[in-house]
Amino acid sequence: MQTQEDLPLNMKGHDKVNDLYKYWNGLISRHRRLDDEIKEGYSSYTPDQVIKSLKLNKLHLKQEIEVIKKEVENLADSISKY
């Protein structure tokens, strides 16, 4: 049975890119749901503090999305060199 250490670097990297891509898609989905919640909050007169909290969570997700995006790009670049 092969372990990650037994696989060539480009195979390990490929798996990691796929994992990061799935995680990134999950973050995008959560980001969109928060956006919908914020819109719903505005239309239903949700207290400002609740909307502010939702917006802050959305901002944190956006920042994490950007970090993952850069990590995937860097990993993909290193894999393409092989």
PDB file of N, CA and C in Angstrom:
ATOM      1  N   MET A   1       0.842  -1.187   0.000  1.00  0.00           N
ATOM      2  CA  MET A   1       0.000   0.000   0.000  1.00  0.00           C
ATOM      3  C   MET A   1       0.881   1.242   0.000  1.00  0.00           C
ATOM      4  N   GLN A   2       0.579   2.183  -0.876  1.00  0.00           N
ATOM      5  CA  GLN A   2       1.375   3.396  -0.973  1.00  0.00           C
ATOM      6  C   GLN A   2       0.893   4.434   0.039  1.00  0.00           C
ATOM      7  N   THR A   3       1.878   5.128   0.606  1.00  0.00           N
ATOM      8  CA  THR A   3       1.560   6.266   1.463  1.00  0.00           C
ATOM      9  C   THR A   3       1.857   7.528   0.669  1.00  0.00           C
ATOM     10  N   GLN A   4       1.477   8.663   1.221  1.00  0.00           N
ATOM     11  CA  GLN A   4       1.749   9.936   0.550  1.00  0.00           C
ATOM     12  C   GLN A   4       3.247  10.094   0.291  1.00  0.00           C
ATOM     13  N   GLU A   5       4.073   9.617   1.230  1.00  0.00           N
ATOM     14  CA  GLU A   5       5.514   9.774   1.071  1.00  0.00           C
ATOM     15  C   GLU A   5       6.054   8.955  -0.093  1.00  0.00           C
ATOM     16  N   ASP A   6       5.352   7.853  -0.446  1.00  0.00           N
ATOM     17  CA  ASP A   6       5.792   6.991  -1.531  1.00  0.00           C
ATOM     18  C   ASP A   6       5.460   7.554  -2.907  1.00  0.00           C
ATOM     19  N   LEU A   7       4.494   8.453  -2.955  1.00  0.00           N
ATOM     20  CA  LEU A   7       4.065   9.000  -4.237  1.00  0.00           C
ATOM     21  C   LEU A   7       5.037  10.052  -4.736  1.00  0.00           C
ATOM     22  N   PRO A   8       5.157  10.194  -6.038  1.00  0.00           N
ATOM     23  CA  PRO A   8       5.982  11.278  -6.570  1.00  0.00           C
ATOM     24  C   PRO A   8       5.416  12.625  -6.121  1.00  0.00           C
ATOM     25  N   LEU A   9       6.272  13.624  -6.066  1.00  0.00           N
ATOM     26  CA  LEU A   9       5.876  14.955  -5.607  1.00  0.00           C
ATOM     27  C   LEU A   9       4.674  15.480  -6.380  1.00  0.00           C
ATOM     28  N   ASN A  10       4.663  15.274  -7.695  1.00  0.00           N
ATOM     29  CA  ASN A  10       3.556  15.817  -8.471  1.00  0.00           C
ATOM     30  C   ASN A  10       2.232  15.137  -8.133  1.00  0.00           C
ATOM     31  N   MET A  11       2.233  13.883  -7.693  1.00  0.00           N
ATOM     32  CA  MET A  11       0.999  13.210  -7.280  1.00  0.00           C
ATOM     33  C   MET A  11       0.518  13.768  -5.945  1.00  0.00           C
ATOM     34  N   LYS A  12       1.453  13.951  -4.999  1.00  0.00           N
ATOM     35  CA  LYS A  12       1.082  14.534  -3.706  1.00  0.00           C
ATOM     36  C   LYS A  12       0.490  15.920  -3.928  1.00  0.00           C
ATOM     37  N   GLY A  13       1.133  16.690  -4.768  1.00  0.00           N
ATOM     38  CA  GLY A  13       0.680  18.046  -5.048  1.00  0.00           C
ATOM     39  C   GLY A  13      -0.684  18.056  -5.707  1.00  0.00           C
ATOM     40  N   HIS A  14      -0.895  17.109  -6.622  1.00  0.00           N
ATOM     41  CA  HIS A  14      -2.177  17.026  -7.311  1.00  0.00           C
ATOM     42  C   HIS A  14      -3.304  16.754  -6.314  1.00  0.00           C
ATOM     43  N   ASP A  15      -3.057  15.839  -5.388  1.00  0.00           N
ATOM     44  CA  ASP A  15      -4.063  15.538  -4.361  1.00  0.00           C
ATOM     45  C   ASP A  15      -4.331  16.757  -3.490  1.00  0.00           C
ATOM     46  N   LYS A  16      -3.270  17.452  -3.150  1.00  0.00           N
ATOM     47  CA  LYS A  16      -3.437  18.631  -2.308  1.00  0.00           C
ATOM     48  C   LYS A  16      -4.212  19.720  -3.045  1.00  0.00           C
ATOM     49  N   VAL A  17      -3.937  19.901  -4.324  1.00  0.00           N
ATOM     50  CA  VAL A  17      -4.670  20.892  -5.115  1.00  0.00           C
ATOM     51  C   VAL A  17      -6.155  20.530  -5.131  1.00  0.00           C
ATOM     52  N   ASN A  18      -6.456  19.259  -5.332  1.00  0.00           N
ATOM     53  CA  ASN A  18      -7.865  18.832  -5.339  1.00  0.00           C
ATOM     54  C   ASN A  18      -8.524  19.082  -3.990  1.00  0.00           C
ATOM     55  N   ASP A  19      -7.820  18.762  -2.902  1.00  0.00           N
ATOM     56  CA  ASP A  19      -8.368  18.992  -1.563  1.00  0.00           C
ATOM     57  C   ASP A  19      -8.601  20.476  -1.312  1.00  0.00           C
ATOM     58  N   LEU A  20      -7.626  21.284  -1.689  1.00  0.00           N
ATOM     59  CA  LEU A  20      -7.761  22.728  -1.505  1.00  0.00           C
ATOM     60  C   LEU A  20      -8.888  23.281  -2.365  1.00  0.00           C
ATOM     61  N   TYR A  21      -9.044  22.746  -3.562  1.00  0.00           N
ATOM     62  CA  TYR A  21     -10.107  23.198  -4.453  1.00  0.00           C
ATOM     63  C   TYR A  21     -11.480  22.896  -3.855  1.00  0.00           C
ATOM     64  N   LYS A  22     -11.632  21.697  -3.286  1.00  0.00           N
ATOM     65  CA  LYS A  22     -12.898  21.336  -2.636  1.00  0.00           C
ATOM     66  C   LYS A  22     -13.163  22.244  -1.442  1.00  0.00           C
ATOM     67  N   TYR A  23     -12.132  22.492  -0.659  1.00  0.00           N
ATOM     68  CA  TYR A  23     -12.277  23.369   0.500  1.00  0.00           C
ATOM     69  C   TYR A  23     -12.652  24.780   0.051  1.00  0.00           C
ATOM     70  N   TRP A  24     -11.983  25.256  -1.001  1.00  0.00           N
ATOM     71  CA  TRP A  24     -12.251  26.582  -1.565  1.00  0.00           C
ATOM     72  C   TRP A  24     -13.697  26.689  -2.032  1.00  0.00           C
ATOM     73  N   ASN A  25     -14.189  25.651  -2.707  1.00  0.00           N
ATOM     74  CA  ASN A  25     -15.589  25.653  -3.157  1.00  0.00           C
ATOM     75  C   ASN A  25     -16.549  25.721  -1.978  1.00  0.00           C
ATOM     76  N   GLY A  26     -16.215  25.031  -0.890  1.00  0.00           N
ATOM     77  CA  GLY A  26     -17.043  25.096   0.306  1.00  0.00           C
ATOM     78  C   GLY A  26     -17.070  26.498   0.892  1.00  0.00           C
ATOM     79  N   LEU A  27     -15.913  27.157   0.890  1.00  0.00           N
ATOM     80  CA  LEU A  27     -15.853  28.541   1.382  1.00  0.00           C
ATOM     81  C   LEU A  27     -16.689  29.470   0.513  1.00  0.00           C
ATOM     82  N   ILE A  28     -16.611  29.276  -0.796  1.00  0.00           N
ATOM     83  CA  ILE A  28     -17.404  30.097  -1.728  1.00  0.00           C
ATOM     84  C   ILE A  28     -18.899  29.903  -1.446  1.00  0.00           C
ATOM     85  N   SER A  29     -19.296  28.670  -1.230  1.00  0.00           N
ATOM     86  CA  SER A  29     -20.695  28.372  -0.954  1.00  0.00           C
ATOM     87  C   SER A  29     -21.149  29.046   0.344  1.00  0.00           C
ATOM     88  N   ARG A  30     -20.328  28.958   1.392  1.00  0.00           N
ATOM     89  CA  ARG A  30     -20.660  29.614   2.660  1.00  0.00           C
ATOM     90  C   ARG A  30     -20.720  31.128   2.492  1.00  0.00           C
ATOM     91  N   HIS A  31     -19.817  31.674   1.691  1.00  0.00           N
ATOM     92  CA  HIS A  31     -19.778  33.109   1.429  1.00  0.00           C
ATOM     93  C   HIS A  31     -21.084  33.559   0.759  1.00  0.00           C
ATOM     94  N   ARG A  32     -21.547  32.779  -0.212  1.00  0.00           N
ATOM     95  CA  ARG A  32     -22.803  33.114  -0.905  1.00  0.00           C
ATOM     96  C   ARG A  32     -24.003  33.016   0.030  1.00  0.00           C
ATOM     97  N   ARG A  33     -24.005  31.987   0.897  1.00  0.00           N
ATOM     98  CA  ARG A  33     -25.109  31.852   1.855  1.00  0.00           C
ATOM     99  C   ARG A  33     -25.151  33.044   2.805  1.00  0.00           C
ATOM    100  N   LEU A  34     -23.963  33.477   3.257  1.00  0.00           N
ATOM    101  CA  LEU A  34     -23.919  34.655   4.121  1.00  0.00           C
ATOM    102  C   LEU A  34     -24.437  35.883   3.389  1.00  0.00           C
ATOM    103  N   ASP A  35     -24.087  36.017   2.130  1.00  0.00           N
ATOM    104  CA  ASP A  35     -24.572  37.141   1.339  1.00  0.00           C
ATOM    105  C   ASP A  35     -26.105  37.122   1.278  1.00  0.00           C
ATOM    106  N   ASP A  36     -26.659  35.939   1.075  1.00  0.00           N
ATOM    107  CA  ASP A  36     -28.122  35.810   1.056  1.00  0.00           C
ATOM    108  C   ASP A  36     -28.724  36.168   2.411  1.00  0.00           C
ATOM    109  N   GLU A  37     -28.078  35.722   3.492  1.00  0.00           N
ATOM    110  CA  GLU A  37     -28.572  36.046   4.835  1.00  0.00           C
ATOM    111  C   GLU A  37     -28.539  37.552   5.086  1.00  0.00           C
ATOM    112  N   ILE A  38     -27.502  38.213   4.608  1.00  0.00           N
ATOM    113  CA  ILE A  38     -27.374  39.664   4.777  1.00  0.00           C
ATOM    114  C   ILE A  38     -28.498  40.372   4.013  1.00  0.00           C
ATOM    115  N   LYS A  39     -28.727  39.942   2.777  1.00  0.00           N
ATOM    116  CA  LYS A  39     -29.809  40.541   1.982  1.00  0.00           C
ATOM    117  C   LYS A  39     -31.150  40.329   2.663  1.00  0.00           C
ATOM    118  N   GLU A  40     -31.366  39.128   3.181  1.00  0.00           N
ATOM    119  CA  GLU A  40     -32.613  38.831   3.885  1.00  0.00           C
ATOM    120  C   GLU A  40     -32.726  39.697   5.142  1.00  0.00           C
ATOM    121  N   GLY A  41     -31.598  39.882   5.821  1.00  0.00           N
ATOM    122  CA  GLY A  41     -31.584  40.711   7.018  1.00  0.00           C
ATOM    123  C   GLY A  41     -31.992  42.145   6.734  1.00  0.00           C
ATOM    124  N   TYR A  42     -31.511  42.677   5.628  1.00  0.00           N
ATOM    125  CA  TYR A  42     -31.880  44.044   5.258  1.00  0.00           C
ATOM    126  C   TYR A  42     -33.376  44.149   4.960  1.00  0.00           C
ATOM    127  N   SER A  43     -33.899  43.134   4.286  1.00  0.00           N
ATOM    128  CA  SER A  43     -35.308  43.208   3.894  1.00  0.00           C
ATOM    129  C   SER A  43     -36.258  42.921   5.061  1.00  0.00           C
ATOM    130  N   SER A  44     -35.755  42.277   6.100  1.00  0.00           N
ATOM    131  CA  SER A  44     -36.640  41.950   7.231  1.00  0.00           C
ATOM    132  C   SER A  44     -36.309  42.765   8.477  1.00  0.00           C
ATOM    133  N   TYR A  45     -35.575  43.846   8.305  1.00  0.00           N
ATOM    134  CA  TYR A  45     -35.257  44.776   9.402  1.00  0.00           C
ATOM    135  C   TYR A  45     -34.563  44.094  10.577  1.00  0.00           C
ATOM    136  N   THR A  46     -33.590  43.250  10.244  1.00  0.00           N
ATOM    137  CA  THR A  46     -32.774  42.604  11.258  1.00  0.00           C
ATOM    138  C   THR A  46     -31.925  43.667  11.952  1.00  0.00           C
ATOM    139  N   PRO A  47     -31.699  43.533  13.263  1.00  0.00           N
ATOM    140  CA  PRO A  47     -30.883  44.520  13.968  1.00  0.00           C
ATOM    141  C   PRO A  47     -29.506  44.703  13.323  1.00  0.00           C
ATOM    142  N   ASP A  48     -29.028  45.933  13.346  1.00  0.00           N
ATOM    143  CA  ASP A  48     -27.740  46.269  12.723  1.00  0.00           C
ATOM    144  C   ASP A  48     -26.600  45.410  13.252  1.00  0.00           C
ATOM    145  N   GLN A  49     -26.625  45.098  14.537  1.00  0.00           N
ATOM    146  CA  GLN A  49     -25.540  44.310  15.130  1.00  0.00           C
ATOM    147  C   GLN A  49     -25.476  42.908  14.512  1.00  0.00           C
ATOM    148  N   VAL A  50     -26.615  42.328  14.207  1.00  0.00           N
ATOM    149  CA  VAL A  50     -26.653  41.000  13.581  1.00  0.00           C
ATOM    150  C   VAL A  50     -26.096  41.078  12.167  1.00  0.00           C
ATOM    151  N   ILE A  51     -26.513  42.089  11.420  1.00  0.00           N
ATOM    152  CA  ILE A  51     -26.015  42.263  10.053  1.00  0.00           C
ATOM    153  C   ILE A  51     -24.515  42.540  10.064  1.00  0.00           C
ATOM    154  N   LYS A  52     -24.073  43.339  11.018  1.00  0.00           N
ATOM    155  CA  LYS A  52     -22.642  43.627  11.135  1.00  0.00           C
ATOM    156  C   LYS A  52     -21.849  42.347  11.379  1.00  0.00           C
ATOM    157  N   SER A  53     -22.380  41.482  12.225  1.00  0.00           N
ATOM    158  CA  SER A  53     -21.718  40.206  12.506  1.00  0.00           C
ATOM    159  C   SER A  53     -21.657  39.324  11.256  1.00  0.00           C
ATOM    160  N   LEU A  54     -22.753  39.273  10.516  1.00  0.00           N
ATOM    161  CA  LEU A  54     -22.781  38.502   9.270  1.00  0.00           C
ATOM    162  C   LEU A  54     -21.768  39.042   8.271  1.00  0.00           C
ATOM    163  N   LYS A  55     -21.692  40.356   8.164  1.00  0.00           N
ATOM    164  CA  LYS A  55     -20.738  40.978   7.238  1.00  0.00           C
ATOM    165  C   LYS A  55     -19.295  40.682   7.644  1.00  0.00           C
ATOM    166  N   LEU A  56     -19.039  40.688   8.928  1.00  0.00           N
ATOM    167  CA  LEU A  56     -17.693  40.389   9.416  1.00  0.00           C
ATOM    168  C   LEU A  56     -17.322  38.942   9.098  1.00  0.00           C
ATOM    169  N   ASN A  57     -18.270  38.041   9.300  1.00  0.00           N
ATOM    170  CA  ASN A  57     -18.022  36.637   8.942  1.00  0.00           C
ATOM    171  C   ASN A  57     -17.767  36.492   7.447  1.00  0.00           C
ATOM    172  N   LYS A  58     -18.535  37.218   6.647  1.00  0.00           N
ATOM    173  CA  LYS A  58     -18.363  37.180   5.203  1.00  0.00           C
ATOM    174  C   LYS A  58     -16.980  37.700   4.804  1.00  0.00           C
ATOM    175  N   LEU A  59     -16.539  38.762   5.463  1.00  0.00           N
ATOM    176  CA  LEU A  59     -15.205  39.305   5.190  1.00  0.00           C
ATOM    177  C   LEU A  59     -14.115  38.294   5.526  1.00  0.00           C
ATOM    178  N   HIS A  60     -14.247  37.609   6.654  1.00  0.00           N
ATOM    179  CA  HIS A  60     -13.254  36.606   7.043  1.00  0.00           C
ATOM    180  C   HIS A  60     -13.211  35.469   6.026  1.00  0.00           C
ATOM    181  N   LEU A  61     -14.376  35.065   5.550  1.00  0.00           N
ATOM    182  CA  LEU A  61     -14.410  34.025   4.523  1.00  0.00           C
ATOM    183  C   LEU A  61     -13.724  34.506   3.250  1.00  0.00           C
ATOM    184  N   LYS A  62     -13.990  35.733   2.861  1.00  0.00           N
ATOM    185  CA  LYS A  62     -13.368  36.291   1.656  1.00  0.00           C
ATOM    186  C   LYS A  62     -11.844  36.292   1.777  1.00  0.00           C
ATOM    187  N   GLN A  63     -11.350  36.659   2.956  1.00  0.00           N
ATOM    188  CA  GLN A  63      -9.908  36.651   3.179  1.00  0.00           C
ATOM    189  C   GLN A  63      -9.348  35.235   3.094  1.00  0.00           C
ATOM    190  N   GLU A  64     -10.054  34.278   3.680  1.00  0.00           N
ATOM    191  CA  GLU A  64      -9.597  32.891   3.625  1.00  0.00           C
ATOM    192  C   GLU A  64      -9.649  32.357   2.192  1.00  0.00           C
ATOM    193  N   ILE A  65     -10.664  32.758   1.450  1.00  0.00           N
ATOM    194  CA  ILE A  65     -10.769  32.356   0.043  1.00  0.00           C
ATOM    195  C   ILE A  65      -9.549  32.838  -0.735  1.00  0.00           C
ATOM    196  N   GLU A  66      -9.149  34.075  -0.496  1.00  0.00           N
ATOM    197  CA  GLU A  66      -7.982  34.627  -1.205  1.00  0.00           C
ATOM    198  C   GLU A  66      -6.698  33.889  -0.825  1.00  0.00           C
ATOM    199  N   VAL A  67      -6.549  33.541   0.446  1.00  0.00           N
ATOM    200  CA  VAL A  67      -5.359  32.803   0.893  1.00  0.00           C
ATOM    201  C   VAL A  67      -5.305  31.442   0.211  1.00  0.00           C
ATOM    202  N   ILE A  68      -6.425  30.735   0.187  1.00  0.00           N
ATOM    203  CA  ILE A  68      -6.481  29.411  -0.442  1.00  0.00           C
ATOM    204  C   ILE A  68      -6.220  29.533  -1.941  1.00  0.00           C
ATOM    205  N   LYS A  69      -6.774  30.551  -2.569  1.00  0.00           N
ATOM    206  CA  LYS A  69      -6.570  30.755  -4.002  1.00  0.00           C
ATOM    207  C   LYS A  69      -5.089  30.915  -4.322  1.00  0.00           C
ATOM    208  N   LYS A  70      -4.395  31.719  -3.535  1.00  0.00           N
ATOM    209  CA  LYS A  70      -2.954  31.914  -3.762  1.00  0.00           C
ATOM    210  C   LYS A  70      -2.177  30.639  -3.498  1.00  0.00           C
ATOM    211  N   GLU A  71      -2.591  29.892  -2.483  1.00  0.00           N
ATOM    212  CA  GLU A  71      -1.903  28.642  -2.168  1.00  0.00           C
ATOM    213  C   GLU A  71      -2.064  27.639  -3.304  1.00  0.00           C
ATOM    214  N   VAL A  72      -3.259  27.555  -3.871  1.00  0.00           N
ATOM    215  CA  VAL A  72      -3.500  26.651  -4.997  1.00  0.00           C
ATOM    216  C   VAL A  72      -2.684  27.089  -6.214  1.00  0.00           C
ATOM    217  N   GLU A  73      -2.648  28.380  -6.486  1.00  0.00           N
ATOM    218  CA  GLU A  73      -1.861  28.876  -7.624  1.00  0.00           C
ATOM    219  C   GLU A  73      -0.385  28.543  -7.450  1.00  0.00           C
ATOM    220  N   ASN A  74       0.149  28.761  -6.243  1.00  0.00           N
ATOM    221  CA  ASN A  74       1.559  28.450  -5.993  1.00  0.00           C
ATOM    222  C   ASN A  74       1.836  26.968  -6.120  1.00  0.00           C
ATOM    223  N   LEU A  75       0.929  26.154  -5.590  1.00  0.00           N
ATOM    224  CA  LEU A  75       1.100  24.706  -5.668  1.00  0.00           C
ATOM    225  C   LEU A  75       1.018  24.230  -7.112  1.00  0.00           C
ATOM    226  N   ALA A  76       0.064  24.777  -7.857  1.00  0.00           N
ATOM    227  CA  ALA A  76      -0.070  24.400  -9.260  1.00  0.00           C
ATOM    228  C   ALA A  76       1.177  24.782 -10.059  1.00  0.00           C
ATOM    229  N   ASP A  77       1.744  25.939  -9.749  1.00  0.00           N
ATOM    230  CA  ASP A  77       2.981  26.353 -10.423  1.00  0.00           C
ATOM    231  C   ASP A  77       4.123  25.396 -10.113  1.00  0.00           C
ATOM    232  N   SER A  78       4.233  24.971  -8.855  1.00  0.00           N
ATOM    233  CA  SER A  78       5.316  24.066  -8.497  1.00  0.00           C
ATOM    234  C   SER A  78       5.115  22.691  -9.116  1.00  0.00           C
ATOM    235  N   ILE A  79       3.872  22.251  -9.268  1.00  0.00           N
ATOM    236  CA  ILE A  79       3.594  20.964  -9.891  1.00  0.00           C
ATOM    237  C   ILE A  79       3.912  21.012 -11.379  1.00  0.00           C
ATOM    238  N   SER A  80       3.600  22.114 -12.031  1.00  0.00           N
ATOM    239  CA  SER A  80       3.814  22.223 -13.469  1.00  0.00           C
ATOM    240  C   SER A  80       5.300  22.218 -13.835  1.00  0.00           C
ATOM    241  N   LYS A  81       6.148  22.477 -12.868  1.00  0.00           N
ATOM    242  CA  LYS A  81       7.601  22.471 -13.134  1.00  0.00           C
ATOM    243  C   LYS A  81       8.138  21.053 -13.279  1.00  0.00           C
ATOM    244  N   TYR A  82       7.363  20.054 -12.833  1.00  0.00           N
ATOM    245  CA  TYR A  82       7.831  18.667 -12.898  1.00  0.00           C
ATOM    246  C   TYR A  82       7.501  18.029 -14.204  1.00  0.00           C
TER     247      TYR A  82
END
